[in-house]
Amino acid sequence: MTISWPHFYLFIAASFIALNLLFAGLYQLQPGGIANQFPQGFLGAFFFSVETLATVGYGDMHPQTLYTHWVSMLEIFIGMMSIALITGMTFARFSRPRARIVFTNNPVVRPLNGEPVLMLRAANARNNVIIDASARLRLLQHETTAEGTTFRKLYDLDLVRDQHPMFVLGWTLVHKIDERSPLHRRDAASLAATRAQLILSVNGIDETTIQPMVARHTFSHQDIRWNHAFADLIYTDEDENDHVDYQRLQEVKPLPSREDEAERRGAERGGD
């Protein structure tokens, strides 16, 4: 269901050849079991197997012993079932909705309105709308008990807005790092010590097909950029029309440090 179409059909072709090679070997166990076999030998048995598996039945070659009849009956049954399975799988692959939700590679931690926040960003790369979208963010990390047992523990990270009525373009998800947050007073070193990961899942309903859509992305603690900000996805052209540049989705830029900000303000006061 998830491999590419070329790999899917290569797998079917390889299975088809392997199955015919197997039955050709079974036909060869009893010489003379196939009437009018041409060419003689394994190659003729292989061609007869292809005709039987596909239920073509040209009529020139046909089974003429009880053993060959039993083997051909088994092969016909497998051929009919294989056609049904391949047809069903092909239809399922065509009808399977694809979320095409793109996630930023690097979450950022930055101050926002005087409070530290964790920010992640997702974008809808489809041409249609995802309605009633919802997002959930979790922290997964390794912890050690007082007895020395290490296990993986999952924490829910509350989002400022975890619902989106119409997910069309970009969506910036914000988690406040306050006293209630599992990330309170955490830094890059403490997250690395627990091998922390962030798991973001987004789901919604495709407005065109009315099918549910689910997308998930995992971020390592090494992906987090501290004191950084996202580049703006939306820009306005000369005609004052808004556009979305998805190439900026992965762009993050460092924010000035407190020392740099203090120095800038001091320079501005000195200039006055």
Foldseek 3Di string as FASTA:
>chain_A
DPDDPVVVVVVVVVVLQVVLLVLLVVVVVDPPQKAQQPPDDSVSSSVVLNCLLCVVCPPNIDGDDPSVVVSSVVSVVVSVVVVVVVVVVVVCVVPPDAQQKDWAQAWEWADDPNFIKIKIKIFRPDQFKFAFKFKWKKKWWWDADPVGDIDIDIGTFDWPDGTDGIRHTMDMTMGTQDPPGPCNPPDLVNLVVGFMKMKMKMWGATPPVRHIYIDIDMHTSVRYHYQKAADDQWDADPVRDIDGHCVSNHDIGHDDDPVVVVVVVVVVVVVD
